N, C-alpha and C. Protein backbone atom coordinates (compact mmCIF):
# COMPACT_ATOMS: atom_id res chain seq x y z
N MET A 1 65.46 25.05 160.96
CA MET A 1 64.12 24.88 160.43
C MET A 1 64.18 23.81 159.36
N ASN A 2 63.27 22.88 159.45
CA ASN A 2 63.13 21.82 158.47
C ASN A 2 61.67 21.44 158.38
N ILE A 3 60.97 22.00 157.41
CA ILE A 3 59.57 21.69 157.20
C ILE A 3 59.47 21.00 155.86
N GLU A 4 58.87 19.83 155.86
CA GLU A 4 58.73 19.09 154.61
C GLU A 4 57.25 18.91 154.29
N THR A 5 56.90 19.19 153.04
CA THR A 5 55.56 18.92 152.55
C THR A 5 55.69 17.86 151.44
N LYS A 6 54.59 17.56 150.80
CA LYS A 6 54.61 16.57 149.73
C LYS A 6 55.61 16.96 148.64
N ARG A 7 55.66 18.26 148.32
CA ARG A 7 56.51 18.71 147.20
C ARG A 7 57.67 19.60 147.60
N LEU A 8 57.68 20.12 148.83
CA LEU A 8 58.61 21.18 149.21
C LEU A 8 59.40 20.86 150.47
N LEU A 9 60.54 21.55 150.60
CA LEU A 9 61.31 21.56 151.81
C LEU A 9 61.61 23.02 152.14
N ILE A 10 61.25 23.43 153.34
CA ILE A 10 61.60 24.77 153.85
C ILE A 10 62.71 24.53 154.86
N THR A 11 63.85 25.12 154.60
CA THR A 11 65.03 24.84 155.38
C THR A 11 65.79 26.13 155.66
N GLU A 12 67.05 26.03 156.04
CA GLU A 12 67.86 27.22 156.29
C GLU A 12 68.80 27.49 155.12
N PHE A 13 69.16 28.76 154.96
CA PHE A 13 70.08 29.14 153.90
C PHE A 13 71.48 28.58 154.16
N HIS A 14 72.18 28.33 153.07
CA HIS A 14 73.59 27.96 153.07
C HIS A 14 74.29 28.87 152.07
N PRO A 15 75.55 29.20 152.29
CA PRO A 15 76.25 30.11 151.38
C PRO A 15 76.22 29.68 149.92
N ASP A 16 76.17 28.38 149.66
CA ASP A 16 76.18 27.90 148.28
C ASP A 16 74.87 28.15 147.52
N MET A 17 73.91 28.76 148.16
CA MET A 17 72.63 29.07 147.52
C MET A 17 72.63 30.45 146.85
N ALA A 18 73.72 31.17 146.91
CA ALA A 18 73.75 32.56 146.43
C ALA A 18 73.35 32.68 144.96
N ARG A 19 73.82 31.80 144.12
CA ARG A 19 73.49 31.90 142.69
C ARG A 19 71.99 31.73 142.45
N SER A 20 71.38 30.73 143.06
CA SER A 20 69.94 30.51 142.85
C SER A 20 69.12 31.64 143.45
N VAL A 21 69.54 32.18 144.59
CA VAL A 21 68.84 33.32 145.19
C VAL A 21 68.92 34.53 144.26
N HIS A 22 70.10 34.78 143.74
CA HIS A 22 70.30 35.87 142.77
C HIS A 22 69.36 35.70 141.57
N LEU A 23 69.37 34.53 140.96
CA LEU A 23 68.56 34.31 139.76
C LEU A 23 67.06 34.41 140.05
N ASN A 24 66.60 33.84 141.16
CA ASN A 24 65.18 33.92 141.52
C ASN A 24 64.74 35.35 141.78
N SER A 25 65.66 36.19 142.21
CA SER A 25 65.29 37.57 142.59
C SER A 25 65.10 38.49 141.39
N LEU A 26 65.54 38.08 140.22
CA LEU A 26 65.58 38.97 139.08
C LEU A 26 64.28 39.07 138.28
N ASP A 27 63.27 38.27 138.62
CA ASP A 27 62.06 38.30 137.80
C ASP A 27 61.28 39.60 137.96
N GLU A 28 60.45 39.88 137.00
CA GLU A 28 59.74 41.16 136.95
C GLU A 28 58.79 41.37 138.13
N ASP A 29 58.11 40.31 138.59
CA ASP A 29 57.24 40.47 139.75
C ASP A 29 58.01 40.88 140.98
N ASN A 30 59.17 40.30 141.18
CA ASN A 30 60.00 40.67 142.33
C ASN A 30 60.43 42.13 142.22
N ARG A 31 60.84 42.55 141.04
CA ARG A 31 61.24 43.94 140.83
C ARG A 31 60.06 44.89 141.10
N ARG A 32 58.88 44.47 140.72
CA ARG A 32 57.69 45.32 140.86
C ARG A 32 57.17 45.37 142.30
N PHE A 33 57.10 44.21 142.95
CA PHE A 33 56.43 44.14 144.25
C PHE A 33 57.37 44.23 145.45
N VAL A 34 58.59 43.76 145.34
CA VAL A 34 59.55 43.85 146.45
C VAL A 34 60.94 44.19 145.92
N PRO A 35 61.11 45.39 145.40
CA PRO A 35 62.38 45.76 144.77
C PRO A 35 63.58 45.71 145.71
N ASP A 36 63.36 45.80 147.01
CA ASP A 36 64.50 45.72 147.93
C ASP A 36 64.99 44.29 148.10
N GLU A 37 64.32 43.34 147.48
CA GLU A 37 64.73 41.94 147.56
C GLU A 37 65.25 41.44 146.21
N VAL A 38 65.70 42.36 145.37
CA VAL A 38 66.34 42.03 144.10
C VAL A 38 67.84 42.11 144.31
N PHE A 39 68.56 41.06 143.91
CA PHE A 39 70.01 41.00 144.06
C PHE A 39 70.60 40.97 142.65
N GLU A 40 71.18 42.08 142.25
CA GLU A 40 71.68 42.22 140.89
C GLU A 40 72.92 41.36 140.63
N THR A 41 73.63 40.96 141.68
CA THR A 41 74.82 40.12 141.51
C THR A 41 74.77 38.95 142.50
N VAL A 42 75.52 37.92 142.19
CA VAL A 42 75.66 36.78 143.10
C VAL A 42 76.29 37.25 144.41
N GLU A 43 77.21 38.20 144.32
CA GLU A 43 77.88 38.71 145.52
C GLU A 43 76.89 39.40 146.46
N GLU A 44 75.97 40.18 145.89
CA GLU A 44 74.91 40.81 146.72
C GLU A 44 74.08 39.75 147.42
N ALA A 45 73.71 38.72 146.67
CA ALA A 45 72.92 37.63 147.26
C ALA A 45 73.72 36.94 148.37
N ALA A 46 75.00 36.71 148.15
CA ALA A 46 75.85 36.04 149.15
C ALA A 46 75.94 36.86 150.44
N GLN A 47 76.08 38.18 150.30
CA GLN A 47 76.13 39.05 151.49
C GLN A 47 74.82 38.98 152.27
N THR A 48 73.72 39.00 151.55
CA THR A 48 72.42 38.93 152.21
C THR A 48 72.23 37.58 152.89
N ILE A 49 72.62 36.51 152.22
CA ILE A 49 72.51 35.18 152.82
C ILE A 49 73.34 35.11 154.10
N ALA A 50 74.53 35.66 154.11
CA ALA A 50 75.37 35.65 155.32
C ALA A 50 74.65 36.37 156.46
N PHE A 51 74.02 37.51 156.16
CA PHE A 51 73.26 38.22 157.19
C PHE A 51 72.08 37.37 157.68
N LEU A 52 71.34 36.77 156.74
CA LEU A 52 70.17 35.98 157.12
C LEU A 52 70.56 34.77 157.96
N ILE A 53 71.66 34.15 157.65
CA ILE A 53 72.16 33.03 158.46
C ILE A 53 72.45 33.50 159.88
N SER A 54 73.00 34.69 160.03
CA SER A 54 73.29 35.21 161.37
C SER A 54 72.00 35.45 162.16
N CYS A 55 70.92 35.73 161.48
CA CYS A 55 69.63 35.94 162.17
C CYS A 55 69.10 34.66 162.79
N TYR A 56 69.44 33.51 162.22
CA TYR A 56 68.98 32.24 162.80
C TYR A 56 69.49 32.08 164.22
N THR A 57 70.74 32.44 164.46
CA THR A 57 71.31 32.25 165.80
C THR A 57 70.95 33.39 166.74
N SER A 58 70.77 34.60 166.21
CA SER A 58 70.43 35.72 167.08
C SER A 58 68.97 35.68 167.51
N GLY A 59 68.12 35.03 166.69
CA GLY A 59 66.70 34.98 166.99
C GLY A 59 65.96 36.25 166.61
N GLU A 60 66.69 37.23 166.12
CA GLU A 60 66.07 38.48 165.68
C GLU A 60 65.79 38.38 164.18
N GLY A 61 64.71 39.02 163.77
CA GLY A 61 64.33 38.94 162.36
C GLY A 61 65.13 39.86 161.50
N PRO A 62 65.00 39.69 160.23
CA PRO A 62 64.03 38.83 159.58
C PRO A 62 64.46 37.36 159.63
N LEU A 63 63.49 36.48 159.73
CA LEU A 63 63.74 35.05 159.70
C LEU A 63 63.30 34.56 158.33
N VAL A 64 64.27 34.35 157.45
CA VAL A 64 64.01 34.04 156.05
C VAL A 64 64.55 32.65 155.74
N TYR A 65 63.73 31.85 155.06
CA TYR A 65 64.08 30.47 154.78
C TYR A 65 63.84 30.15 153.31
N PRO A 66 64.78 29.45 152.68
CA PRO A 66 64.58 29.07 151.28
C PRO A 66 63.50 27.99 151.15
N ILE A 67 62.81 28.05 150.04
CA ILE A 67 61.84 27.01 149.68
C ILE A 67 62.47 26.20 148.56
N LEU A 68 62.61 24.90 148.80
CA LEU A 68 63.24 24.01 147.83
C LEU A 68 62.22 22.97 147.37
N LEU A 69 62.35 22.56 146.11
CA LEU A 69 61.62 21.39 145.65
C LEU A 69 62.29 20.16 146.26
N GLN A 70 61.65 19.02 146.20
CA GLN A 70 62.21 17.80 146.78
C GLN A 70 63.56 17.42 146.15
N ASP A 71 63.82 17.89 144.91
CA ASP A 71 65.12 17.60 144.28
C ASP A 71 66.18 18.64 144.64
N ALA A 72 65.90 19.52 145.61
CA ALA A 72 66.80 20.55 146.14
C ALA A 72 66.87 21.81 145.27
N THR A 73 66.03 21.94 144.25
CA THR A 73 65.98 23.16 143.46
C THR A 73 65.41 24.28 144.30
N ASN A 74 66.14 25.38 144.40
CA ASN A 74 65.69 26.54 145.17
C ASN A 74 64.69 27.32 144.31
N ILE A 75 63.44 27.43 144.79
CA ILE A 75 62.40 28.11 144.01
C ILE A 75 61.95 29.43 144.62
N GLY A 76 62.43 29.75 145.81
CA GLY A 76 62.01 31.00 146.44
C GLY A 76 62.32 31.02 147.92
N TYR A 77 61.54 31.82 148.65
CA TYR A 77 61.76 31.93 150.09
C TYR A 77 60.45 32.24 150.79
N ILE A 78 60.48 32.05 152.09
CA ILE A 78 59.37 32.44 152.96
C ILE A 78 59.99 33.08 154.20
N GLN A 79 59.30 34.05 154.78
CA GLN A 79 59.91 34.79 155.89
C GLN A 79 58.88 35.27 156.90
N ALA A 80 59.38 35.49 158.10
CA ALA A 80 58.66 36.20 159.15
C ALA A 80 59.53 37.39 159.52
N VAL A 81 58.95 38.58 159.44
CA VAL A 81 59.70 39.81 159.63
C VAL A 81 59.08 40.61 160.77
N PRO A 82 59.88 41.04 161.75
CA PRO A 82 59.31 41.87 162.82
C PRO A 82 58.94 43.25 162.27
N THR A 83 57.85 43.80 162.80
CA THR A 83 57.39 45.12 162.38
C THR A 83 57.63 46.13 163.50
N ASP A 84 57.45 47.39 163.19
CA ASP A 84 57.69 48.46 164.16
C ASP A 84 56.76 48.40 165.36
N ASP A 85 55.61 47.75 165.23
CA ASP A 85 54.65 47.70 166.33
C ASP A 85 54.73 46.39 167.13
N ASP A 86 55.91 45.75 167.12
CA ASP A 86 56.16 44.51 167.86
C ASP A 86 55.30 43.34 167.41
N SER A 87 54.83 43.37 166.18
CA SER A 87 54.13 42.22 165.62
C SER A 87 55.02 41.62 164.53
N TRP A 88 54.52 40.63 163.84
CA TRP A 88 55.27 39.96 162.78
C TRP A 88 54.47 39.96 161.50
N GLU A 89 55.20 39.97 160.39
CA GLU A 89 54.59 39.94 159.06
C GLU A 89 55.18 38.78 158.27
N ILE A 90 54.33 38.08 157.53
CA ILE A 90 54.81 37.01 156.67
C ILE A 90 55.13 37.58 155.29
N GLY A 91 56.09 37.00 154.64
CA GLY A 91 56.43 37.36 153.27
C GLY A 91 56.88 36.11 152.54
N TYR A 92 56.81 36.14 151.22
CA TYR A 92 57.21 34.98 150.42
C TYR A 92 57.42 35.44 148.99
N HIS A 93 58.21 34.67 148.29
CA HIS A 93 58.40 34.89 146.86
C HIS A 93 58.73 33.56 146.22
N ILE A 94 58.06 33.28 145.12
CA ILE A 94 58.35 32.11 144.31
C ILE A 94 58.88 32.63 142.98
N GLY A 95 60.02 32.14 142.54
CA GLY A 95 60.60 32.56 141.28
C GLY A 95 59.63 32.33 140.12
N ALA A 96 59.71 33.20 139.13
CA ALA A 96 58.76 33.20 138.01
C ALA A 96 58.62 31.85 137.33
N ALA A 97 59.69 31.10 137.22
CA ALA A 97 59.62 29.80 136.54
C ALA A 97 58.78 28.77 137.31
N TYR A 98 58.45 29.07 138.57
CA TYR A 98 57.76 28.11 139.42
C TYR A 98 56.39 28.59 139.90
N THR A 99 55.92 29.73 139.39
CA THR A 99 54.64 30.25 139.85
C THR A 99 53.48 29.49 139.21
N ARG A 100 52.29 29.76 139.74
CA ARG A 100 51.04 29.17 139.25
C ARG A 100 50.98 27.65 139.41
N GLN A 101 51.68 27.15 140.43
CA GLN A 101 51.66 25.72 140.70
C GLN A 101 51.28 25.42 142.15
N GLY A 102 50.88 26.46 142.89
CA GLY A 102 50.44 26.28 144.26
C GLY A 102 51.56 26.19 145.29
N TYR A 103 52.79 26.46 144.88
CA TYR A 103 53.91 26.34 145.82
C TYR A 103 53.83 27.36 146.95
N ALA A 104 53.46 28.60 146.66
CA ALA A 104 53.39 29.62 147.72
C ALA A 104 52.34 29.23 148.75
N THR A 105 51.18 28.81 148.30
CA THR A 105 50.11 28.40 149.23
C THR A 105 50.57 27.21 150.06
N GLU A 106 51.20 26.26 149.44
CA GLU A 106 51.70 25.07 150.16
C GLU A 106 52.74 25.47 151.20
N ALA A 107 53.64 26.36 150.83
CA ALA A 107 54.69 26.79 151.75
C ALA A 107 54.13 27.59 152.92
N VAL A 108 53.24 28.54 152.64
CA VAL A 108 52.65 29.36 153.71
C VAL A 108 51.85 28.47 154.66
N THR A 109 51.06 27.56 154.13
CA THR A 109 50.26 26.67 154.97
C THR A 109 51.13 25.85 155.92
N ALA A 110 52.26 25.37 155.42
CA ALA A 110 53.16 24.57 156.26
C ALA A 110 53.95 25.43 157.24
N PHE A 111 54.32 26.62 156.82
CA PHE A 111 55.19 27.51 157.60
C PHE A 111 54.47 28.14 158.79
N LEU A 112 53.22 28.55 158.60
CA LEU A 112 52.50 29.30 159.64
C LEU A 112 52.52 28.63 161.02
N PRO A 113 52.08 27.38 161.16
CA PRO A 113 52.06 26.82 162.52
C PRO A 113 53.44 26.69 163.14
N VAL A 114 54.44 26.42 162.33
CA VAL A 114 55.79 26.23 162.86
C VAL A 114 56.38 27.57 163.32
N ILE A 115 56.30 28.59 162.47
CA ILE A 115 56.92 29.87 162.82
C ILE A 115 56.14 30.56 163.94
N MET A 116 54.83 30.40 163.97
CA MET A 116 54.05 31.03 165.04
C MET A 116 54.37 30.40 166.39
N LYS A 117 54.56 29.09 166.40
CA LYS A 117 54.96 28.42 167.64
C LYS A 117 56.36 28.85 168.05
N GLN A 118 57.28 28.90 167.09
CA GLN A 118 58.66 29.31 167.37
C GLN A 118 58.70 30.72 167.94
N LEU A 119 57.90 31.64 167.39
CA LEU A 119 57.89 33.03 167.83
C LEU A 119 56.95 33.27 169.02
N ASN A 120 56.18 32.24 169.38
CA ASN A 120 55.21 32.34 170.46
C ASN A 120 54.21 33.48 170.21
N ILE A 121 53.63 33.46 169.01
CA ILE A 121 52.65 34.47 168.62
C ILE A 121 51.34 33.78 168.22
N THR A 122 50.25 34.52 168.32
CA THR A 122 48.95 33.97 167.94
C THR A 122 48.37 34.63 166.69
N GLU A 123 49.07 35.65 166.18
CA GLU A 123 48.64 36.27 164.94
C GLU A 123 49.84 36.78 164.17
N ILE A 124 49.65 36.87 162.85
CA ILE A 124 50.71 37.35 161.97
C ILE A 124 50.05 38.10 160.82
N LYS A 125 50.70 39.17 160.40
CA LYS A 125 50.16 40.03 159.34
C LYS A 125 50.64 39.58 157.97
N GLY A 126 49.90 39.98 156.97
CA GLY A 126 50.32 39.84 155.58
C GLY A 126 50.01 41.16 154.90
N ILE A 127 50.97 41.77 154.24
CA ILE A 127 50.77 43.06 153.58
C ILE A 127 51.28 42.94 152.15
N CYS A 128 50.48 43.41 151.21
CA CYS A 128 50.92 43.38 149.81
C CYS A 128 50.31 44.56 149.08
N LEU A 129 50.85 44.84 147.92
CA LEU A 129 50.27 45.88 147.08
C LEU A 129 48.90 45.42 146.61
N ALA A 130 47.98 46.35 146.47
CA ALA A 130 46.61 46.02 146.11
C ALA A 130 46.51 45.43 144.71
N ASP A 131 47.51 45.63 143.88
CA ASP A 131 47.46 45.03 142.55
C ASP A 131 48.29 43.74 142.46
N ASN A 132 48.73 43.22 143.59
CA ASN A 132 49.44 41.94 143.62
C ASN A 132 48.41 40.84 143.88
N PHE A 133 47.65 40.54 142.84
CA PHE A 133 46.52 39.62 142.97
C PHE A 133 46.97 38.21 143.37
N ALA A 134 48.12 37.78 142.89
CA ALA A 134 48.60 36.45 143.25
C ALA A 134 48.87 36.35 144.75
N SER A 135 49.51 37.37 145.31
CA SER A 135 49.81 37.35 146.74
C SER A 135 48.52 37.41 147.56
N MET A 136 47.57 38.23 147.11
CA MET A 136 46.30 38.31 147.83
C MET A 136 45.60 36.95 147.84
N LYS A 137 45.62 36.23 146.72
CA LYS A 137 45.00 34.91 146.65
C LYS A 137 45.68 33.93 147.60
N VAL A 138 47.00 33.97 147.67
CA VAL A 138 47.73 33.09 148.58
C VAL A 138 47.30 33.36 150.01
N LEU A 139 47.31 34.61 150.41
CA LEU A 139 46.93 34.95 151.78
C LEU A 139 45.51 34.48 152.09
N GLU A 140 44.59 34.74 151.19
CA GLU A 140 43.20 34.34 151.41
C GLU A 140 43.04 32.82 151.46
N ARG A 141 43.73 32.11 150.59
CA ARG A 141 43.67 30.64 150.59
C ARG A 141 44.24 30.05 151.88
N CYS A 142 45.14 30.78 152.51
CA CYS A 142 45.80 30.29 153.73
C CYS A 142 45.09 30.76 155.01
N GLY A 143 43.94 31.39 154.87
CA GLY A 143 43.16 31.74 156.05
C GLY A 143 43.35 33.14 156.58
N PHE A 144 44.08 33.98 155.87
CA PHE A 144 44.23 35.38 156.29
C PHE A 144 42.93 36.13 155.97
N GLN A 145 42.59 37.07 156.83
CA GLN A 145 41.41 37.90 156.63
C GLN A 145 41.84 39.32 156.29
N LYS A 146 41.24 39.89 155.25
CA LYS A 146 41.59 41.26 154.87
C LYS A 146 41.08 42.22 155.93
N GLN A 147 41.98 43.09 156.41
CA GLN A 147 41.65 44.07 157.44
C GLN A 147 41.53 45.48 156.87
N TYR A 148 42.23 45.73 155.75
CA TYR A 148 42.31 47.09 155.23
C TYR A 148 42.72 47.06 153.77
N GLU A 149 42.14 47.95 152.99
CA GLU A 149 42.61 48.22 151.63
C GLU A 149 42.57 49.72 151.42
N GLY A 150 43.69 50.29 151.03
CA GLY A 150 43.79 51.72 150.81
C GLY A 150 45.24 52.15 150.79
N MET A 151 45.45 53.42 150.96
CA MET A 151 46.81 53.96 150.91
C MET A 151 47.55 53.62 152.21
N GLY A 152 48.82 53.31 152.04
CA GLY A 152 49.66 53.00 153.19
C GLY A 152 51.12 52.95 152.78
N LEU A 153 51.98 52.96 153.76
CA LEU A 153 53.42 52.93 153.51
C LEU A 153 53.84 51.52 153.11
N TYR A 154 54.52 51.41 151.98
CA TYR A 154 54.99 50.13 151.47
C TYR A 154 56.31 50.35 150.76
N GLN A 155 57.34 49.67 151.22
CA GLN A 155 58.68 49.83 150.63
C GLN A 155 59.10 51.30 150.63
N GLY A 156 58.74 52.02 151.68
CA GLY A 156 59.17 53.40 151.85
C GLY A 156 58.39 54.45 151.08
N ALA A 157 57.28 54.05 150.44
CA ALA A 157 56.48 55.00 149.66
C ALA A 157 54.99 54.76 149.92
N GLU A 158 54.20 55.80 149.78
CA GLU A 158 52.74 55.67 149.90
C GLU A 158 52.23 54.94 148.66
N ARG A 159 51.59 53.80 148.89
CA ARG A 159 51.08 52.98 147.80
C ARG A 159 49.71 52.43 148.20
N ARG A 160 48.97 51.94 147.25
CA ARG A 160 47.70 51.28 147.55
C ARG A 160 48.02 49.84 147.99
N ILE A 161 47.66 49.52 149.23
CA ILE A 161 48.02 48.24 149.83
C ILE A 161 46.79 47.50 150.35
N CYS A 162 46.99 46.25 150.66
CA CYS A 162 46.03 45.44 151.40
C CYS A 162 46.75 44.88 152.62
N ARG A 163 46.10 44.97 153.76
CA ARG A 163 46.63 44.39 155.00
C ARG A 163 45.74 43.23 155.40
N TYR A 164 46.38 42.12 155.72
CA TYR A 164 45.67 40.92 156.13
C TYR A 164 46.14 40.51 157.52
N LEU A 165 45.34 39.67 158.16
CA LEU A 165 45.69 39.16 159.48
C LEU A 165 45.31 37.68 159.55
N TYR A 166 46.23 36.91 160.10
CA TYR A 166 45.98 35.48 160.34
C TYR A 166 46.02 35.28 161.84
N CYS A 167 44.99 34.66 162.39
CA CYS A 167 44.94 34.36 163.82
C CYS A 167 44.87 32.85 164.01
N LYS A 168 45.63 32.39 164.94
CA LYS A 168 45.71 30.97 165.28
C LYS A 168 44.43 30.49 165.90
C-alpha cells in the first residue's frame, strides 16, 4: 500500500517503526477510546507490528497501515478490520501531538477508495464511542452516515456507541 496525499503517506509497517508506534499509542485519547491498541513497551509494539506485517501477505485482517507525514514522521495509523458479520470496519488514530490538523480526515478520504477496491466491497462501517466527538466528525466529514446511536458492544463491554456506514 502506498497512498500519497498533499501532506501524508499511507504505507506498510516496517519493524523499525516500533518506537513511534509505542509512543503514539500512549496518549490519553487512545487509552480512553481504544485501550486494546495501547502498547506499554516498544517490545509490545514490535510484536504487534510483526503480526500486522504478516496480515499484508495473508490478505486476512486486520489490515493496518501507518500514516506518515511527508518527512516520514509516523503520526498514527488507519485500518480496515473484518467484523463477525463478514463486513469491514474502518479505524484510525492520530497521535495527540498531531490532532486538530485534519490529518485523520485526509487519511480516511484517501484510504477509502483504495481499500474498498482492494477488498472488493461497496460499503464499510465506522463505529465509535458516542462521546468520541472527534471521531464522529471525521466519519461525517468523510461521507459516512449515522445508522445507530445507543448501547452496543464496544471493546468487549456494553457502551454508548455510534455506528456509521459509508457506501461507494
